[in-house]
Amino acid sequence: GPKRQAFGVNVIVLEKADGAIPEPLG
């Protein structure tokens, strides 16, 4: 099931909380 964890070394934001796509991905 879902679990809470720290981020790994490589992290990419796929979608902002408001539904926007971050500029580098856009």
mmCIF file of all heavy atoms, coordinates in Angstrom:
data_MODEL
# 
_entry.id   MODEL 
# 
loop_
_atom_site.group_PDB 
_atom_site.id 
_atom_site.type_symbol 
_atom_site.label_atom_id 
_atom_site.label_alt_id 
_atom_site.label_comp_id 
_atom_site.label_asym_id 
_atom_site.label_entity_id 
_atom_site.label_seq_id 
_atom_site.pdbx_PDB_ins_code 
_atom_site.Cartn_x 
_atom_site.Cartn_y 
_atom_site.Cartn_z 
_atom_site.occupancy 
_atom_site.B_iso_or_equiv 
_atom_site.pdbx_formal_charge 
_atom_site.auth_seq_id 
_atom_site.auth_comp_id 
_atom_site.auth_asym_id 
_atom_site.auth_atom_id 
_atom_site.pdbx_PDB_model_num 
ATOM 1   N N   . GLY A 1 1  ? 0.811  -1.206 0.000   1.00 0.00 ? 1  GLY A N   1 
ATOM 2   C CA  . GLY A 1 1  ? 0.000  0.000  0.000   1.00 0.00 ? 1  GLY A CA  1 
ATOM 3   C C   . GLY A 1 1  ? 0.841  1.252  0.000   1.00 0.00 ? 1  GLY A C   1 
ATOM 4   O O   . GLY A 1 1  ? 2.075  1.187  0.050   1.00 0.00 ? 1  GLY A O   1 
ATOM 5   N N   . PRO A 1 2  ? 0.177  2.389  -0.052  1.00 0.00 ? 2  PRO A N   1 
ATOM 6   C CA  . PRO A 1 2  ? 0.906  3.657  -0.031  1.00 0.00 ? 2  PRO A CA  1 
ATOM 7   C C   . PRO A 1 2  ? 1.761  3.774  1.229   1.00 0.00 ? 2  PRO A C   1 
ATOM 8   O O   . PRO A 1 2  ? 1.388  3.301  2.294   1.00 0.00 ? 2  PRO A O   1 
ATOM 9   C CB  . PRO A 1 2  ? -0.203 4.710  -0.023  1.00 0.00 ? 2  PRO A CB  1 
ATOM 10  C CG  . PRO A 1 2  ? -1.395 4.019  -0.563  1.00 0.00 ? 2  PRO A CG  1 
ATOM 11  C CD  . PRO A 1 2  ? -1.263 2.588  -0.147  1.00 0.00 ? 2  PRO A CD  1 
ATOM 12  N N   . LYS A 1 3  ? 2.931  4.393  1.088   1.00 0.00 ? 3  LYS A N   1 
ATOM 13  C CA  . LYS A 1 3  ? 3.804  4.603  2.234   1.00 0.00 ? 3  LYS A CA  1 
ATOM 14  C C   . LYS A 1 3  ? 4.498  5.943  2.081   1.00 0.00 ? 3  LYS A C   1 
ATOM 15  O O   . LYS A 1 3  ? 4.607  6.482  0.984   1.00 0.00 ? 3  LYS A O   1 
ATOM 16  C CB  . LYS A 1 3  ? 4.815  3.472  2.345   1.00 0.00 ? 3  LYS A CB  1 
ATOM 17  C CG  . LYS A 1 3  ? 5.592  3.216  1.079   1.00 0.00 ? 3  LYS A CG  1 
ATOM 18  C CD  . LYS A 1 3  ? 6.391  1.940  1.181   1.00 0.00 ? 3  LYS A CD  1 
ATOM 19  C CE  . LYS A 1 3  ? 6.915  1.606  -0.203  1.00 0.00 ? 3  LYS A CE  1 
ATOM 20  N NZ  . LYS A 1 3  ? 6.837  0.254  -0.552  1.00 0.00 ? 3  LYS A NZ  1 
ATOM 21  N N   . ARG A 1 4  ? 4.947  6.474  3.178   1.00 0.00 ? 4  ARG A N   1 
ATOM 22  C CA  . ARG A 1 4  ? 5.659  7.748  3.164   1.00 0.00 ? 4  ARG A CA  1 
ATOM 23  C C   . ARG A 1 4  ? 7.149  7.475  3.181   1.00 0.00 ? 4  ARG A C   1 
ATOM 24  O O   . ARG A 1 4  ? 7.628  6.683  3.976   1.00 0.00 ? 4  ARG A O   1 
ATOM 25  C CB  . ARG A 1 4  ? 5.257  8.572  4.377   1.00 0.00 ? 4  ARG A CB  1 
ATOM 26  C CG  . ARG A 1 4  ? 3.833  9.050  4.289   1.00 0.00 ? 4  ARG A CG  1 
ATOM 27  C CD  . ARG A 1 4  ? 3.413  9.757  5.578   1.00 0.00 ? 4  ARG A CD  1 
ATOM 28  N NE  . ARG A 1 4  ? 2.060  10.230 5.471   1.00 0.00 ? 4  ARG A NE  1 
ATOM 29  C CZ  . ARG A 1 4  ? 0.992  9.523  5.776   1.00 0.00 ? 4  ARG A CZ  1 
ATOM 30  N NH1 . ARG A 1 4  ? 1.118  8.284  6.194   1.00 0.00 ? 4  ARG A NH1 1 
ATOM 31  N NH2 . ARG A 1 4  ? -0.216 10.028 5.657   1.00 0.00 ? 4  ARG A NH2 1 
ATOM 32  N N   . GLN A 1 5  ? 7.869  8.143  2.283   1.00 0.00 ? 5  GLN A N   1 
ATOM 33  C CA  . GLN A 1 5  ? 9.314  7.952  2.203   1.00 0.00 ? 5  GLN A CA  1 
ATOM 34  C C   . GLN A 1 5  ? 9.998  9.259  1.838   1.00 0.00 ? 5  GLN A C   1 
ATOM 35  O O   . GLN A 1 5  ? 9.370  10.173 1.302   1.00 0.00 ? 5  GLN A O   1 
ATOM 36  C CB  . GLN A 1 5  ? 9.666  6.905  1.139   1.00 0.00 ? 5  GLN A CB  1 
ATOM 37  C CG  . GLN A 1 5  ? 9.199  5.524  1.472   1.00 0.00 ? 5  GLN A CG  1 
ATOM 38  C CD  . GLN A 1 5  ? 9.658  4.513  0.432   1.00 0.00 ? 5  GLN A CD  1 
ATOM 39  O OE1 . GLN A 1 5  ? 9.944  4.847  -0.696  1.00 0.00 ? 5  GLN A OE1 1 
ATOM 40  N NE2 . GLN A 1 5  ? 9.719  3.263  0.840   1.00 0.00 ? 5  GLN A NE2 1 
ATOM 41  N N   . ALA A 1 6  ? 11.283 9.305  2.101   1.00 0.00 ? 6  ALA A N   1 
ATOM 42  C CA  . ALA A 1 6  ? 12.092 10.447 1.680   1.00 0.00 ? 6  ALA A CA  1 
ATOM 43  C C   . ALA A 1 6  ? 12.314 10.368 0.175   1.00 0.00 ? 6  ALA A C   1 
ATOM 44  O O   . ALA A 1 6  ? 12.147 9.313  -0.439  1.00 0.00 ? 6  ALA A O   1 
ATOM 45  C CB  . ALA A 1 6  ? 13.418 10.428 2.418   1.00 0.00 ? 6  ALA A CB  1 
ATOM 46  N N   . PHE A 1 7  ? 12.697 11.482 -0.407  1.00 0.00 ? 7  PHE A N   1 
ATOM 47  C CA  . PHE A 1 7  ? 13.018 11.514 -1.830  1.00 0.00 ? 7  PHE A CA  1 
ATOM 48  C C   . PHE A 1 7  ? 14.317 10.767 -2.080  1.00 0.00 ? 7  PHE A C   1 
ATOM 49  O O   . PHE A 1 7  ? 15.187 10.710 -1.217  1.00 0.00 ? 7  PHE A O   1 
ATOM 50  C CB  . PHE A 1 7  ? 13.209 12.953 -2.321  1.00 0.00 ? 7  PHE A CB  1 
ATOM 51  C CG  . PHE A 1 7  ? 11.992 13.810 -2.171  1.00 0.00 ? 7  PHE A CG  1 
ATOM 52  C CD1 . PHE A 1 7  ? 11.962 14.817 -1.235  1.00 0.00 ? 7  PHE A CD1 1 
ATOM 53  C CD2 . PHE A 1 7  ? 10.884 13.614 -2.965  1.00 0.00 ? 7  PHE A CD2 1 
ATOM 54  C CE1 . PHE A 1 7  ? 10.849 15.621 -1.090  1.00 0.00 ? 7  PHE A CE1 1 
ATOM 55  C CE2 . PHE A 1 7  ? 9.761  14.408 -2.830  1.00 0.00 ? 7  PHE A CE2 1 
ATOM 56  C CZ  . PHE A 1 7  ? 9.747  15.420 -1.889  1.00 0.00 ? 7  PHE A CZ  1 
ATOM 57  N N   . GLY A 1 8  ? 14.465 10.228 -3.290  1.00 0.00 ? 8  GLY A N   1 
ATOM 58  C CA  . GLY A 1 8  ? 15.727 9.643  -3.703  1.00 0.00 ? 8  GLY A CA  1 
ATOM 59  C C   . GLY A 1 8  ? 16.654 10.741 -4.221  1.00 0.00 ? 8  GLY A C   1 
ATOM 60  O O   . GLY A 1 8  ? 16.376 11.935 -4.084  1.00 0.00 ? 8  GLY A O   1 
ATOM 61  N N   . VAL A 1 9  ? 17.724 10.347 -4.844  1.00 0.00 ? 9  VAL A N   1 
ATOM 62  C CA  . VAL A 1 9  ? 18.720 11.304 -5.341  1.00 0.00 ? 9  VAL A CA  1 
ATOM 63  C C   . VAL A 1 9  ? 18.194 12.084 -6.541  1.00 0.00 ? 9  VAL A C   1 
ATOM 64  O O   . VAL A 1 9  ? 18.378 13.288 -6.636  1.00 0.00 ? 9  VAL A O   1 
ATOM 65  C CB  . VAL A 1 9  ? 20.014 10.558 -5.714  1.00 0.00 ? 9  VAL A CB  1 
ATOM 66  C CG1 . VAL A 1 9  ? 21.023 11.504 -6.314  1.00 0.00 ? 9  VAL A CG1 1 
ATOM 67  C CG2 . VAL A 1 9  ? 20.595 9.871  -4.493  1.00 0.00 ? 9  VAL A CG2 1 
ATOM 68  N N   . ASN A 1 10 ? 17.540 11.411 -7.458  1.00 0.00 ? 10 ASN A N   1 
ATOM 69  C CA  . ASN A 1 10 ? 17.035 12.042 -8.681  1.00 0.00 ? 10 ASN A CA  1 
ATOM 70  C C   . ASN A 1 10 ? 15.520 12.209 -8.574  1.00 0.00 ? 10 ASN A C   1 
ATOM 71  O O   . ASN A 1 10 ? 14.791 11.232 -8.562  1.00 0.00 ? 10 ASN A O   1 
ATOM 72  C CB  . ASN A 1 10 ? 17.360 11.180 -9.901  1.00 0.00 ? 10 ASN A CB  1 
ATOM 73  C CG  . ASN A 1 10 ? 18.835 10.896 -10.003 1.00 0.00 ? 10 ASN A CG  1 
ATOM 74  O OD1 . ASN A 1 10 ? 19.638 11.796 -10.010 1.00 0.00 ? 10 ASN A OD1 1 
ATOM 75  N ND2 . ASN A 1 10 ? 19.191 9.622  -10.043 1.00 0.00 ? 10 ASN A ND2 1 
ATOM 76  N N   . VAL A 1 11 ? 15.065 13.453 -8.505  1.00 0.00 ? 11 VAL A N   1 
ATOM 77  C CA  . VAL A 1 11 ? 13.634 13.743 -8.349  1.00 0.00 ? 11 VAL A CA  1 
ATOM 78  C C   . VAL A 1 11 ? 13.211 14.701 -9.453  1.00 0.00 ? 11 VAL A C   1 
ATOM 79  O O   . VAL A 1 11 ? 13.901 15.679 -9.729  1.00 0.00 ? 11 VAL A O   1 
ATOM 80  C CB  . VAL A 1 11 ? 13.342 14.388 -6.981  1.00 0.00 ? 11 VAL A CB  1 
ATOM 81  C CG1 . VAL A 1 11 ? 11.860 14.693 -6.835  1.00 0.00 ? 11 VAL A CG1 1 
ATOM 82  C CG2 . VAL A 1 11 ? 13.810 13.504 -5.850  1.00 0.00 ? 11 VAL A CG2 1 
ATOM 83  N N   . ILE A 1 12 ? 12.071 14.423 -10.083 1.00 0.00 ? 12 ILE A N   1 
ATOM 84  C CA  . ILE A 1 12 ? 11.512 15.317 -11.091 1.00 0.00 ? 12 ILE A CA  1 
ATOM 85  C C   . ILE A 1 12 ? 10.036 15.541 -10.783 1.00 0.00 ? 12 ILE A C   1 
ATOM 86  O O   . ILE A 1 12 ? 9.295  14.587 -10.548 1.00 0.00 ? 12 ILE A O   1 
ATOM 87  C CB  . ILE A 1 12 ? 11.675 14.748 -12.516 1.00 0.00 ? 12 ILE A CB  1 
ATOM 88  C CG1 . ILE A 1 12 ? 13.156 14.647 -12.861 1.00 0.00 ? 12 ILE A CG1 1 
ATOM 89  C CG2 . ILE A 1 12 ? 10.938 15.613 -13.537 1.00 0.00 ? 12 ILE A CG2 1 
ATOM 90  C CD1 . ILE A 1 12 ? 13.444 14.066 -14.208 1.00 0.00 ? 12 ILE A CD1 1 
ATOM 91  N N   . VAL A 1 13 ? 9.634  16.813 -10.773 1.00 0.00 ? 13 VAL A N   1 
ATOM 92  C CA  . VAL A 1 13 ? 8.224  17.155 -10.610 1.00 0.00 ? 13 VAL A CA  1 
ATOM 93  C C   . VAL A 1 13 ? 7.535  16.928 -11.946 1.00 0.00 ? 13 VAL A C   1 
ATOM 94  O O   . VAL A 1 13 ? 7.894  17.537 -12.953 1.00 0.00 ? 13 VAL A O   1 
ATOM 95  C CB  . VAL A 1 13 ? 8.049  18.622 -10.154 1.00 0.00 ? 13 VAL A CB  1 
ATOM 96  C CG1 . VAL A 1 13 ? 6.573  18.992 -10.093 1.00 0.00 ? 13 VAL A CG1 1 
ATOM 97  C CG2 . VAL A 1 13 ? 8.719  18.859 -8.802  1.00 0.00 ? 13 VAL A CG2 1 
ATOM 98  N N   . LEU A 1 14 ? 6.556  16.028 -11.967 1.00 0.00 ? 14 LEU A N   1 
ATOM 99  C CA  . LEU A 1 14 ? 5.811  15.728 -13.191 1.00 0.00 ? 14 LEU A CA  1 
ATOM 100 C C   . LEU A 1 14 ? 4.615  16.648 -13.372 1.00 0.00 ? 14 LEU A C   1 
ATOM 101 O O   . LEU A 1 14 ? 4.220  16.975 -14.490 1.00 0.00 ? 14 LEU A O   1 
ATOM 102 C CB  . LEU A 1 14 ? 5.336  14.277 -13.170 1.00 0.00 ? 14 LEU A CB  1 
ATOM 103 C CG  . LEU A 1 14 ? 6.429  13.213 -13.084 1.00 0.00 ? 14 LEU A CG  1 
ATOM 104 C CD1 . LEU A 1 14 ? 5.809  11.839 -12.922 1.00 0.00 ? 14 LEU A CD1 1 
ATOM 105 C CD2 . LEU A 1 14 ? 7.333  13.279 -14.297 1.00 0.00 ? 14 LEU A CD2 1 
ATOM 106 N N   . GLU A 1 15 ? 4.014  17.033 -12.240 1.00 0.00 ? 15 GLU A N   1 
ATOM 107 C CA  . GLU A 1 15 ? 2.828  17.896 -12.270 1.00 0.00 ? 15 GLU A CA  1 
ATOM 108 C C   . GLU A 1 15 ? 2.782  18.676 -10.961 1.00 0.00 ? 15 GLU A C   1 
ATOM 109 O O   . GLU A 1 15 ? 2.975  18.102 -9.891  1.00 0.00 ? 15 GLU A O   1 
ATOM 110 C CB  . GLU A 1 15 ? 1.575  17.029 -12.413 1.00 0.00 ? 15 GLU A CB  1 
ATOM 111 C CG  . GLU A 1 15 ? 0.283  17.796 -12.442 1.00 0.00 ? 15 GLU A CG  1 
ATOM 112 C CD  . GLU A 1 15 ? -0.920 16.863 -12.502 1.00 0.00 ? 15 GLU A CD  1 
ATOM 113 O OE1 . GLU A 1 15 ? -1.372 16.426 -11.434 1.00 0.00 ? 15 GLU A OE1 1 
ATOM 114 O OE2 . GLU A 1 15 ? -1.354 16.566 -13.617 1.00 0.00 ? 15 GLU A OE2 1 
ATOM 115 N N   . LYS A 1 16 ? 2.541  19.976 -11.063 1.00 0.00 ? 16 LYS A N   1 
ATOM 116 C CA  . LYS A 1 16 ? 2.414  20.806 -9.872  1.00 0.00 ? 16 LYS A CA  1 
ATOM 117 C C   . LYS A 1 16 ? 1.064  20.533 -9.215  1.00 0.00 ? 16 LYS A C   1 
ATOM 118 O O   . LYS A 1 16 ? 0.164  19.965 -9.826  1.00 0.00 ? 16 LYS A O   1 
ATOM 119 C CB  . LYS A 1 16 ? 2.537  22.291 -10.233 1.00 0.00 ? 16 LYS A CB  1 
ATOM 120 C CG  . LYS A 1 16 ? 3.866  22.680 -10.850 1.00 0.00 ? 16 LYS A CG  1 
ATOM 121 C CD  . LYS A 1 16 ? 5.035  22.430 -9.909  1.00 0.00 ? 16 LYS A CD  1 
ATOM 122 C CE  . LYS A 1 16 ? 5.049  23.420 -8.758  1.00 0.00 ? 16 LYS A CE  1 
ATOM 123 N NZ  . LYS A 1 16 ? 6.129  23.159 -7.792  1.00 0.00 ? 16 LYS A NZ  1 
ATOM 124 N N   . ALA A 1 17 ? 0.917  20.936 -7.963  1.00 0.00 ? 17 ALA A N   1 
ATOM 125 C CA  . ALA A 1 17 ? -0.312 20.685 -7.209  1.00 0.00 ? 17 ALA A CA  1 
ATOM 126 C C   . ALA A 1 17 ? -1.545 21.279 -7.889  1.00 0.00 ? 17 ALA A C   1 
ATOM 127 O O   . ALA A 1 17 ? -2.639 20.733 -7.786  1.00 0.00 ? 17 ALA A O   1 
ATOM 128 C CB  . ALA A 1 17 ? -0.172 21.234 -5.788  1.00 0.00 ? 17 ALA A CB  1 
ATOM 129 N N   . ASP A 1 18 ? -1.359 22.381 -8.633  1.00 0.00 ? 18 ASP A N   1 
ATOM 130 C CA  . ASP A 1 18 ? -2.489 23.019 -9.313  1.00 0.00 ? 18 ASP A CA  1 
ATOM 131 C C   . ASP A 1 18 ? -2.783 22.422 -10.688 1.00 0.00 ? 18 ASP A C   1 
ATOM 132 O O   . ASP A 1 18 ? -3.626 22.908 -11.427 1.00 0.00 ? 18 ASP A O   1 
ATOM 133 C CB  . ASP A 1 18 ? -2.248 24.521 -9.437  1.00 0.00 ? 18 ASP A CB  1 
ATOM 134 C CG  . ASP A 1 18 ? -1.056 24.878 -10.314 1.00 0.00 ? 18 ASP A CG  1 
ATOM 135 O OD1 . ASP A 1 18 ? -0.413 23.960 -10.888 1.00 0.00 ? 18 ASP A OD1 1 
ATOM 136 O OD2 . ASP A 1 18 ? -0.759 26.084 -10.430 1.00 0.00 ? 18 ASP A OD2 1 
ATOM 137 N N   . GLY A 1 19 ? -2.057 21.354 -11.062 1.00 0.00 ? 19 GLY A N   1 
ATOM 138 C CA  . GLY A 1 19 ? -2.284 20.692 -12.341 1.00 0.00 ? 19 GLY A CA  1 
ATOM 139 C C   . GLY A 1 19 ? -1.384 21.177 -13.468 1.00 0.00 ? 19 GLY A C   1 
ATOM 140 O O   . GLY A 1 19 ? -1.398 20.608 -14.556 1.00 0.00 ? 19 GLY A O   1 
ATOM 141 N N   . ALA A 1 20 ? -0.603 22.217 -13.221 1.00 0.00 ? 20 ALA A N   1 
ATOM 142 C CA  . ALA A 1 20 ? 0.288  22.755 -14.249 1.00 0.00 ? 20 ALA A CA  1 
ATOM 143 C C   . ALA A 1 20 ? 1.470  21.813 -14.474 1.00 0.00 ? 20 ALA A C   1 
ATOM 144 O O   . ALA A 1 20 ? 1.915  21.130 -13.558 1.00 0.00 ? 20 ALA A O   1 
ATOM 145 C CB  . ALA A 1 20 ? 0.800  24.133 -13.837 1.00 0.00 ? 20 ALA A CB  1 
ATOM 146 N N   . ILE A 1 21 ? 1.962  21.788 -15.700 1.00 0.00 ? 21 ILE A N   1 
ATOM 147 C CA  . ILE A 1 21 ? 3.153  21.018 -16.047 1.00 0.00 ? 21 ILE A CA  1 
ATOM 148 C C   . ILE A 1 21 ? 4.362  21.950 -15.880 1.00 0.00 ? 21 ILE A C   1 
ATOM 149 O O   . ILE A 1 21 ? 4.361  23.049 -16.436 1.00 0.00 ? 21 ILE A O   1 
ATOM 150 C CB  . ILE A 1 21 ? 3.083  20.504 -17.505 1.00 0.00 ? 21 ILE A CB  1 
ATOM 151 C CG1 . ILE A 1 21 ? 1.826  19.657 -17.719 1.00 0.00 ? 21 ILE A CG1 1 
ATOM 152 C CG2 . ILE A 1 21 ? 4.346  19.728 -17.861 1.00 0.00 ? 21 ILE A CG2 1 
ATOM 153 C CD1 . ILE A 1 21 ? 1.731  18.428 -16.851 1.00 0.00 ? 21 ILE A CD1 1 
ATOM 154 N N   . PRO A 1 22 ? 5.381  21.532 -15.125 1.00 0.00 ? 22 PRO A N   1 
ATOM 155 C CA  . PRO A 1 22 ? 6.550  22.393 -14.937 1.00 0.00 ? 22 PRO A CA  1 
ATOM 156 C C   . PRO A 1 22 ? 7.194  22.774 -16.269 1.00 0.00 ? 22 PRO A C   1 
ATOM 157 O O   . PRO A 1 22 ? 7.190  21.987 -17.224 1.00 0.00 ? 22 PRO A O   1 
ATOM 158 C CB  . PRO A 1 22 ? 7.504  21.530 -14.105 1.00 0.00 ? 22 PRO A CB  1 
ATOM 159 C CG  . PRO A 1 22 ? 6.624  20.544 -13.426 1.00 0.00 ? 22 PRO A CG  1 
ATOM 160 C CD  . PRO A 1 22 ? 5.499  20.286 -14.380 1.00 0.00 ? 22 PRO A CD  1 
ATOM 161 N N   . GLU A 1 23 ? 7.760  23.965 -16.322 1.00 0.00 ? 23 GLU A N   1 
ATOM 162 C CA  . GLU A 1 23 ? 8.324  24.503 -17.565 1.00 0.00 ? 23 GLU A CA  1 
ATOM 163 C C   . GLU A 1 23 ? 9.332  23.570 -18.239 1.00 0.00 ? 23 GLU A C   1 
ATOM 164 O O   . GLU A 1 23 ? 9.246  23.380 -19.455 1.00 0.00 ? 23 GLU A O   1 
ATOM 165 C CB  . GLU A 1 23 ? 8.955  25.868 -17.296 1.00 0.00 ? 23 GLU A CB  1 
ATOM 166 C CG  . GLU A 1 23 ? 9.384  26.571 -18.552 1.00 0.00 ? 23 GLU A CG  1 
ATOM 167 C CD  . GLU A 1 23 ? 9.891  27.973 -18.273 1.00 0.00 ? 23 GLU A CD  1 
ATOM 168 O OE1 . GLU A 1 23 ? 9.361  28.628 -17.364 1.00 0.00 ? 23 GLU A OE1 1 
ATOM 169 O OE2 . GLU A 1 23 ? 10.807 28.400 -18.982 1.00 0.00 ? 23 GLU A OE2 1 
ATOM 170 N N   . PRO A 1 24 ? 10.290 22.969 -17.511 1.00 0.00 ? 24 PRO A N   1 
ATOM 171 C CA  . PRO A 1 24 ? 11.233 22.087 -18.217 1.00 0.00 ? 24 PRO A CA  1 
ATOM 172 C C   . PRO A 1 24 ? 10.545 20.929 -18.940 1.00 0.00 ? 24 PRO A C   1 
ATOM 173 O O   . PRO A 1 24 ? 10.946 20.561 -20.038 1.00 0.00 ? 24 PRO A O   1 
ATOM 174 C CB  . PRO A 1 24 ? 12.143 21.579 -17.105 1.00 0.00 ? 24 PRO A CB  1 
ATOM 175 C CG  . PRO A 1 24 ? 12.070 22.618 -16.037 1.00 0.00 ? 24 PRO A CG  1 
ATOM 176 C CD  . PRO A 1 24 ? 10.656 23.121 -16.113 1.00 0.00 ? 24 PRO A CD  1 
ATOM 177 N N   . LEU A 1 25 ? 9.490  20.383 -18.362 1.00 0.00 ? 25 LEU A N   1 
ATOM 178 C CA  . LEU A 1 25 ? 8.772  19.282 -19.033 1.00 0.00 ? 25 LEU A CA  1 
ATOM 179 C C   . LEU A 1 25 ? 7.883  19.814 -20.144 1.00 0.00 ? 25 LEU A C   1 
ATOM 180 O O   . LEU A 1 25 ? 7.726  19.183 -21.180 1.00 0.00 ? 25 LEU A O   1 
ATOM 181 C CB  . LEU A 1 25 ? 7.934  18.489 -18.032 1.00 0.00 ? 25 LEU A CB  1 
ATOM 182 C CG  . LEU A 1 25 ? 8.713  17.692 -16.998 1.00 0.00 ? 25 LEU A CG  1 
ATOM 183 C CD1 . LEU A 1 25 ? 7.757  16.932 -16.094 1.00 0.00 ? 25 LEU A CD1 1 
ATOM 184 C CD2 . LEU A 1 25 ? 9.689  16.740 -17.658 1.00 0.00 ? 25 LEU A CD2 1 
ATOM 185 N N   . GLY A 1 26 ? 7.294  20.971 -19.937 1.00 0.00 ? 26 GLY A N   1 
ATOM 186 C CA  . GLY A 1 26 ? 6.468  21.588 -20.967 1.00 0.00 ? 26 GLY A CA  1 
ATOM 187 C C   . GLY A 1 26 ? 7.254  21.874 -22.230 1.00 0.00 ? 26 GLY A C   1 
ATOM 188 O O   . GLY A 1 26 ? 6.729  21.741 -23.334 1.00 0.00 ? 26 GLY A O   1 
# 
